[in-house]
Protein backbone atom coordinates (compact mmCIF):
# COMPACT_ATOMS: atom_id res chain seq x y z
CA MET A 1 -36.94 -5.45 271.55
CA VAL A 2 -34.88 -8.16 269.59
CA PRO A 3 -31.24 -7.28 269.10
CA ILE A 4 -29.75 -6.95 266.19
CA THR A 5 -26.69 -8.88 266.43
CA ARG A 6 -23.26 -9.67 264.25
CA ASP A 7 -24.68 -12.34 262.44
CA ILE A 8 -27.74 -10.84 261.25
CA ALA A 9 -26.92 -8.19 258.38
CA ARG A 10 -29.08 -5.71 257.30
CA THR A 11 -30.52 -6.03 253.48
CA PRO A 12 -28.69 -3.17 251.07
CA THR A 13 -32.11 -1.44 250.70
CA GLU A 14 -33.84 -1.53 254.12
CA PRO A 15 -34.72 1.70 255.29
CA ALA A 16 -33.85 2.39 259.20
CA SER A 17 -37.45 3.31 259.22
CA ARG A 18 -38.15 -0.65 259.06
CA ALA A 19 -36.47 -1.51 262.92
CA GLU A 20 -38.21 -4.26 263.96
CA THR A 21 -41.04 -3.66 266.57
CA ILE A 22 -41.59 -7.28 267.57
CA ALA A 23 -40.59 -8.11 271.44
CA GLU A 24 -38.26 -10.69 272.46
CA ALA A 25 -41.17 -12.89 274.03
CA PHE A 26 -43.56 -14.19 271.06
CA ALA A 27 -45.92 -17.20 271.37
CA SER A 28 -44.42 -19.98 272.97
CA TYR A 29 -40.61 -18.64 271.99
CA ARG A 30 -37.64 -16.10 273.40
CA LEU A 31 -36.43 -14.41 269.48
CA GLU A 32 -32.67 -14.41 269.55
CA ALA A 33 -31.23 -12.33 266.66
CA ARG A 34 -32.85 -12.00 263.30
CA LEU A 35 -31.35 -14.15 260.41
CA GLY A 36 -33.05 -12.26 257.47
CA ARG A 37 -35.94 -10.17 256.16
CA GLY A 38 -38.48 -9.92 253.03
CA ASN A 39 -40.97 -7.80 252.25
CA ARG A 40 -43.42 -9.59 253.74
CA ALA A 41 -41.28 -11.92 256.90
CA THR A 42 -38.86 -11.59 259.27
CA VAL A 43 -36.83 -15.05 260.22
CA TYR A 44 -35.33 -14.99 263.64
CA ARG A 45 -33.32 -17.67 265.66
CA ALA A 46 -35.27 -18.09 268.36
CA VAL A 47 -35.26 -20.64 271.15
CA HIS A 48 -38.57 -22.43 272.83
CA ARG A 49 -38.87 -21.35 276.21
CA LYS A 50 -40.42 -24.83 277.77
CA ASP A 51 -37.82 -27.53 275.84
CA GLY A 52 -34.82 -25.18 274.79
CA ASN A 53 -34.78 -26.25 270.69
CA VAL A 54 -33.01 -23.51 268.90
CA LEU A 55 -35.92 -22.55 265.75
CA ALA A 56 -35.66 -20.59 262.51
CA LEU A 57 -39.17 -19.00 263.00
CA ARG A 58 -40.48 -16.55 260.23
CA VAL A 59 -42.76 -14.14 261.11
CA PHE A 60 -45.29 -13.09 258.48
CA ASP A 61 -46.49 -9.11 258.78
CA ARG A 62 -49.60 -8.49 260.63
CA LYS A 63 -50.83 -6.64 257.21
CA LEU A 64 -50.64 -9.69 255.05
CA THR A 65 -51.30 -11.79 258.01
CA ALA A 66 -54.99 -10.18 257.86
CA GLU A 67 -55.93 -10.79 254.57
CA PRO A 68 -57.96 -13.25 254.18
CA ILE A 69 -57.07 -15.39 251.18
CA PHE A 70 -53.55 -15.86 253.43
CA ALA A 71 -55.70 -17.45 256.84
CA ALA A 72 -57.32 -19.78 254.01
CA GLN A 73 -54.63 -20.93 253.06
CA LEU A 74 -52.07 -21.03 255.77
CA GLY A 75 -53.23 -23.72 257.99
CA GLU A 76 -53.57 -25.97 254.33
CA ALA A 77 -50.57 -25.56 252.63
CA VAL A 78 -48.73 -26.27 256.07
CA SER A 79 -50.60 -29.37 256.31
CA VAL A 80 -49.19 -30.05 253.07
CA LEU A 81 -45.73 -29.39 253.32
CA ALA A 82 -45.93 -31.51 256.70
CA ALA A 83 -47.01 -34.18 254.90
CA CYS A 84 -44.40 -33.84 252.44
CA GLN A 85 -41.54 -35.33 254.07
CA HIS A 86 -37.96 -36.38 252.62
CA PRO A 87 -34.45 -35.45 254.60
CA GLY A 88 -33.63 -33.23 251.79
CA LEU A 89 -36.24 -31.00 252.51
CA LEU A 90 -36.24 -29.33 256.09
CA PRO A 91 -39.92 -29.61 258.13
CA ILE A 92 -42.14 -27.00 259.89
CA LEU A 93 -42.21 -28.26 262.88
CA ALA A 94 -45.11 -25.77 263.91
CA HIS A 95 -47.16 -22.84 262.84
CA GLY A 96 -49.86 -20.45 264.31
CA VAL A 97 -51.11 -16.82 264.10
CA HIS A 98 -49.79 -14.58 268.16
CA ASP A 99 -50.83 -11.07 268.91
CA GLY A 100 -51.57 -10.52 265.06
CA TRP A 101 -48.37 -12.19 263.25
CA ALA A 102 -48.51 -15.77 261.59
CA TYR A 103 -44.93 -17.36 262.15
CA LEU A 104 -43.05 -20.77 260.94
CA ALA A 105 -41.59 -22.94 262.79
CA ARG A 106 -37.99 -25.18 261.32
CA PRO A 107 -35.38 -26.81 262.49
CA TYR A 108 -32.34 -23.83 263.36
CA VAL A 109 -29.39 -25.17 260.71
CA VAL A 110 -25.77 -25.08 261.60
CA GLY A 111 -23.36 -25.06 259.07
CA ASP A 112 -23.07 -22.55 255.52
CA ASN A 113 -25.57 -22.16 252.69
CA LEU A 114 -24.66 -22.57 248.69
CA ARG A 115 -24.37 -19.08 248.24
CA ARG A 116 -20.87 -18.99 250.51
CA ARG A 117 -19.59 -21.38 248.57
CA LEU A 118 -20.47 -19.54 245.11
CA GLY A 119 -18.73 -17.08 243.25
CA THR A 120 -15.36 -19.15 241.85
CA PRO A 121 -15.84 -21.81 239.69
CA LEU A 122 -16.51 -25.81 241.04
CA HIS A 123 -16.15 -29.18 239.14
CA LEU A 124 -18.74 -30.04 237.90
CA ALA A 125 -18.39 -33.29 240.37
CA GLU A 126 -18.23 -30.77 242.84
CA ALA A 127 -21.39 -29.09 241.63
CA LEU A 128 -23.02 -32.84 241.47
CA ARG A 129 -21.98 -33.79 245.15
CA LEU A 130 -23.55 -30.46 246.80
CA LEU A 131 -26.63 -30.41 243.82
CA ARG A 132 -27.74 -34.30 243.75
CA PRO A 133 -29.70 -34.35 247.15
CA VAL A 134 -31.16 -30.95 246.05
CA ALA A 135 -32.78 -32.42 243.04
CA ALA A 136 -34.16 -35.69 245.12
CA ALA A 137 -35.97 -33.60 247.26
CA LEU A 138 -37.30 -30.64 244.78
CA ASP A 139 -38.48 -33.99 242.35
CA HIS A 140 -40.33 -35.77 246.13
CA ALA A 141 -42.06 -31.95 246.42
CA HIS A 142 -42.93 -32.27 243.10
CA ALA A 143 -44.35 -35.09 243.00
CA ALA A 144 -46.69 -34.14 246.36
CA GLY A 145 -47.97 -30.63 244.33
CA ILE A 146 -45.48 -28.15 246.07
CA VAL A 147 -43.65 -26.25 243.94
CA HIS A 148 -40.70 -24.37 245.97
CA GLY A 149 -40.91 -20.80 243.74
CA ASP A 150 -37.68 -19.15 245.75
CA LEU A 151 -34.50 -21.96 244.83
CA LYS A 152 -31.53 -19.76 245.59
CA PRO A 153 -28.40 -20.85 246.82
CA GLY A 154 -29.35 -19.34 250.03
CA ASN A 155 -31.81 -21.52 250.54
CA ILE A 156 -29.99 -24.44 249.58
CA LEU A 157 -28.58 -25.14 253.41
CA LEU A 158 -25.11 -27.32 253.89
CA PRO A 159 -25.56 -28.34 257.39
CA ALA A 160 -22.50 -29.47 259.62
CA SER A 161 -24.21 -32.66 259.93
CA GLY A 162 -23.59 -33.06 255.83
CA GLN A 163 -27.24 -33.81 254.96
CA VAL A 164 -27.89 -31.22 251.96
CA VAL A 165 -31.13 -29.57 253.03
CA VAL A 166 -33.41 -27.14 251.51
CA THR A 167 -35.89 -24.69 252.98
CA ASP A 168 -38.35 -22.15 252.22
CA ALA A 169 -39.92 -25.07 249.77
CA GLY A 170 -43.49 -23.71 249.49
CA ILE A 171 -43.10 -19.93 250.83
CA VAL A 172 -43.83 -18.08 247.45
CA GLY A 173 -47.43 -20.45 247.46
CA LEU A 174 -48.51 -18.83 250.78
CA LEU A 175 -47.82 -15.26 248.92
CA PRO A 176 -51.49 -13.32 247.73
CA ARG A 177 -50.91 -13.27 243.66
CA ALA A 178 -47.40 -15.54 243.86
CA ASN A 179 -47.61 -16.19 240.59
CA THR A 180 -47.06 -12.59 240.23
CA LEU A 181 -43.80 -11.49 239.73
CA LEU A 182 -44.43 -7.31 240.59
CA SER A 183 -47.52 -6.33 242.90
CA ALA A 184 -49.23 -3.15 241.13
CA ALA A 185 -49.73 -2.21 244.46
CA THR A 186 -46.43 -2.26 246.37
CA GLY A 187 -43.72 -3.01 243.40
CA ARG A 188 -42.87 -5.45 245.20
CA TYR A 189 -41.09 -9.47 244.02
CA TYR A 190 -41.59 -12.58 245.12
CA GLY A 191 -39.37 -14.76 244.07
CA THR A 192 -35.63 -13.47 243.36
CA PRO A 193 -34.48 -12.55 239.91
CA GLU A 194 -31.39 -13.95 239.66
CA TYR A 195 -32.97 -17.34 239.67
CA LEU A 196 -36.69 -16.31 238.59
CA ALA A 197 -38.36 -18.54 235.65
CA PRO A 198 -39.48 -16.63 232.98
CA GLU A 199 -42.94 -18.16 233.35
CA GLN A 200 -43.07 -17.02 236.89
CA ALA A 201 -41.62 -13.14 235.89
CA HIS A 202 -45.09 -13.21 233.10
CA GLY A 203 -47.18 -13.98 236.16
CA LEU A 204 -47.97 -17.26 234.59
CA ALA A 205 -49.28 -20.54 236.98
CA LEU A 206 -46.18 -22.86 238.33
CA ASP A 207 -45.08 -26.12 238.33
CA GLY A 208 -42.10 -28.09 239.31
CA ARG A 209 -40.57 -26.88 235.68
CA ALA A 210 -39.71 -23.46 237.16
CA ASP A 211 -37.33 -24.60 240.12
CA ILE A 212 -35.70 -26.86 237.39
CA TYR A 213 -34.81 -23.42 235.54
CA ALA A 214 -33.78 -22.26 238.92
CA LEU A 215 -31.99 -25.23 239.26
CA GLY A 216 -30.12 -25.24 236.02
CA VAL A 217 -29.30 -21.25 236.95
CA ILE A 218 -27.47 -22.35 240.12
CA LEU A 219 -26.06 -25.43 237.69
CA TYR A 220 -24.43 -22.40 235.57
CA GLU A 221 -22.90 -20.16 238.82
CA ALA A 222 -21.71 -23.38 240.00
CA LEU A 223 -19.41 -23.84 236.73
CA THR A 224 -19.08 -20.23 235.85
CA GLY A 225 -18.61 -18.34 238.82
CA ARG A 226 -21.04 -16.17 237.85
CA PRO A 227 -24.98 -16.68 237.27
CA PRO A 228 -25.86 -16.14 233.52
CA PHE A 229 -28.15 -12.94 233.68
CA ARG A 230 -26.74 -9.77 236.23
CA GLY A 231 -27.53 -6.22 235.94
CA ALA A 232 -27.52 -3.04 237.95
CA THR A 233 -31.65 -3.37 239.40
CA PRO A 234 -33.94 -6.46 239.61
CA ARG A 235 -35.97 -5.14 236.35
CA LEU A 236 -32.88 -5.23 234.22
CA ILE A 237 -31.94 -9.32 235.38
CA VAL A 238 -35.56 -10.33 234.67
CA ALA A 239 -35.87 -8.63 231.47
CA GLN A 240 -33.08 -11.29 230.49
CA HIS A 241 -34.74 -13.97 231.91
CA ILE A 242 -37.93 -13.10 229.25
CA SER A 243 -35.61 -12.67 226.34
CA ALA A 244 -32.09 -12.97 226.39
CA LEU A 245 -29.95 -16.20 225.87
CA PRO A 246 -27.43 -17.33 228.46
CA PRO A 247 -23.65 -16.38 227.67
CA ALA A 248 -21.57 -19.38 226.18
CA PHE A 249 -19.15 -21.33 228.59
CA GLY A 250 -18.78 -24.27 227.07
CA ASP A 251 -15.68 -23.54 225.90
CA GLN A 252 -14.50 -23.28 229.47
CA LEU A 253 -14.92 -26.75 230.29
CA PRO A 254 -11.64 -28.62 228.80
CA GLY A 255 -13.06 -32.05 227.02
CA LEU A 256 -16.87 -31.62 228.30
CA GLY A 257 -18.36 -28.43 227.30
CA ALA A 258 -19.76 -29.24 224.34
CA ALA A 259 -21.82 -32.24 226.38
CA VAL A 260 -22.21 -30.05 228.81
CA GLU A 261 -23.31 -27.02 227.63
CA PRO A 262 -25.84 -27.93 225.67
CA ILE A 263 -27.66 -29.77 229.13
CA ILE A 264 -27.54 -26.58 230.62
CA LEU A 265 -29.41 -24.25 228.12
CA GLN A 266 -31.79 -26.75 228.07
CA THR A 267 -32.67 -26.12 231.43
CA LEU A 268 -32.70 -22.72 230.94
CA SER A 269 -35.16 -23.22 228.45
CA LYS A 270 -38.08 -20.57 228.38
CA ASP A 271 -40.44 -23.12 226.77
CA PRO A 272 -41.24 -24.13 230.39
CA ALA A 273 -42.26 -27.92 227.82
CA ARG A 274 -38.28 -27.85 226.22
CA ARG A 275 -36.54 -28.48 229.88
CA PHE A 276 -36.21 -31.43 231.81
CA PRO A 277 -39.49 -33.25 232.68
CA THR A 278 -37.60 -33.32 236.54
CA ALA A 279 -34.99 -32.62 238.29
CA GLY A 280 -33.62 -35.92 238.73
CA ALA A 281 -33.29 -36.41 234.86
CA LEU A 282 -30.97 -33.05 234.33
CA ILE A 283 -28.74 -34.59 237.26
CA ALA A 284 -28.63 -37.91 235.69
CA ALA A 285 -27.71 -36.20 231.95
CA LEU A 286 -24.88 -34.00 233.22
CA GLU A 287 -23.77 -37.10 235.04
CA ALA A 288 -24.03 -39.38 231.76
CA VAL A 289 -21.39 -36.78 230.36
CA GLY A 290 -18.62 -36.76 232.77
CA GLY A 291 -19.93 -35.45 236.51
CA GLY A 292 -21.51 -39.24 238.18
CA ARG A 293 -19.48 -39.97 241.49
CA GLY A 294 -15.90 -41.11 239.82
CA ALA A 295 -15.30 -38.51 237.24
CA ASP A 296 -12.15 -36.74 237.35
CA GLN A 297 -11.62 -33.74 239.83
CA SER A 298 -9.35 -32.07 237.41
CA LEU A 299 -12.29 -31.18 234.70
CA ARG A 300 -14.27 -27.61 235.98
CA VAL A 301 -15.06 -24.24 234.22
CA GLY A 302 -12.44 -21.55 234.51
CA ARG A 303 -13.13 -18.32 234.94
CA HIS A 304 -14.43 -15.92 231.95
CA PRO A 305 -12.26 -12.46 230.99
CA ARG A 306 -15.99 -10.20 231.50
CA ASP A 307 -15.13 -11.54 235.14
CA ASP A 308 -11.63 -9.56 234.99
CA ALA A 309 -13.52 -6.34 233.47
CA PRO A 310 -14.37 -3.81 235.98
CA GLY A 311 -17.61 -3.63 237.34
CA ALA A 312 -18.01 -7.24 236.35
CA GLY A 313 -19.12 -8.16 239.59
CA ASP A 314 -21.12 -5.06 240.97
CA ALA A 315 -24.56 -7.05 240.54
CA ARG A 316 -24.32 -10.27 241.70
CA ALA A 317 -26.14 -11.48 244.52
CA THR A 318 -24.36 -11.35 247.78
CA ASN A 319 -24.56 -13.68 251.01
CA SER A 320 -28.19 -13.99 251.90
CA PRO A 321 -29.97 -12.37 252.55
CA ASP A 322 -29.70 -12.33 248.54
CA ARG A 323 -29.11 -8.81 247.13
CA HIS A 324 -32.39 -8.61 245.26
CA ASP A 325 -34.45 -10.86 247.36
CA ARG A 326 -37.80 -9.68 247.20
CA THR A 327 -39.56 -12.88 248.70
CA GLY A 328 -41.27 -12.94 252.11
């Protein structure tokens, strides 16, 4: 059986009855540790038994693998993703089905993820330094017809090598009824509530503007130290994405707030047509008002007074896996 090691955390709601049952030897790989679990898949650190390469192996559950629509889409989707090569997108190295489980293999990245960098406000220039390559990767994927569908800080990797990369692009598109937030049969979420675009919550067809919305949420969180919408349950968070306005924060950015806040709020528009047409256009707009590579590093957003109130951080997403993460 695959051991549960110190670098692997159960999700807070995962019952003990969901203990892993996949054997340590899996296809051409040796599973060493579980990195995270969603509703429809589990990610492992694995070693290829022939060449010794360390990989991140996403194993989809058997029930999902057995669904005809999933089996039909998997090979086609992987081909599209494999053809979408970009330095900022973590590639798929292999895929297949073993003993009733479909799987995808990607490089195992040594380093951190953006989730661990958030929680206190970043300088505008530092936030853009981290997210500029993310925007470039998203625009490349969107040009190829690929929507990430679950962009969040935990899926933005910060390798020791220094090249920021986005992982799990297109995975949501492999899931049956992926554009529907809640499955009536299971009550499961496809996406992460804190970063979910309103149209995804409504179960509408997605395009790249849903990812741009998520990027806007991440920027908001990077600059303020908190996501725009928080709540005790995923449903409460999602309801705010649909109908609530993000809390204002411009007065916390001395000298730049009046210019930066409208840009972020435009990105978080409920109407996709009102958002920036590309992620690169969003970054360029922020660079133009003072977030460029040579911007004054002393300019940053301060903490909001409500963050110091009792219970203010109770609903904040935790480190990977994210607290309300419901993606397979």
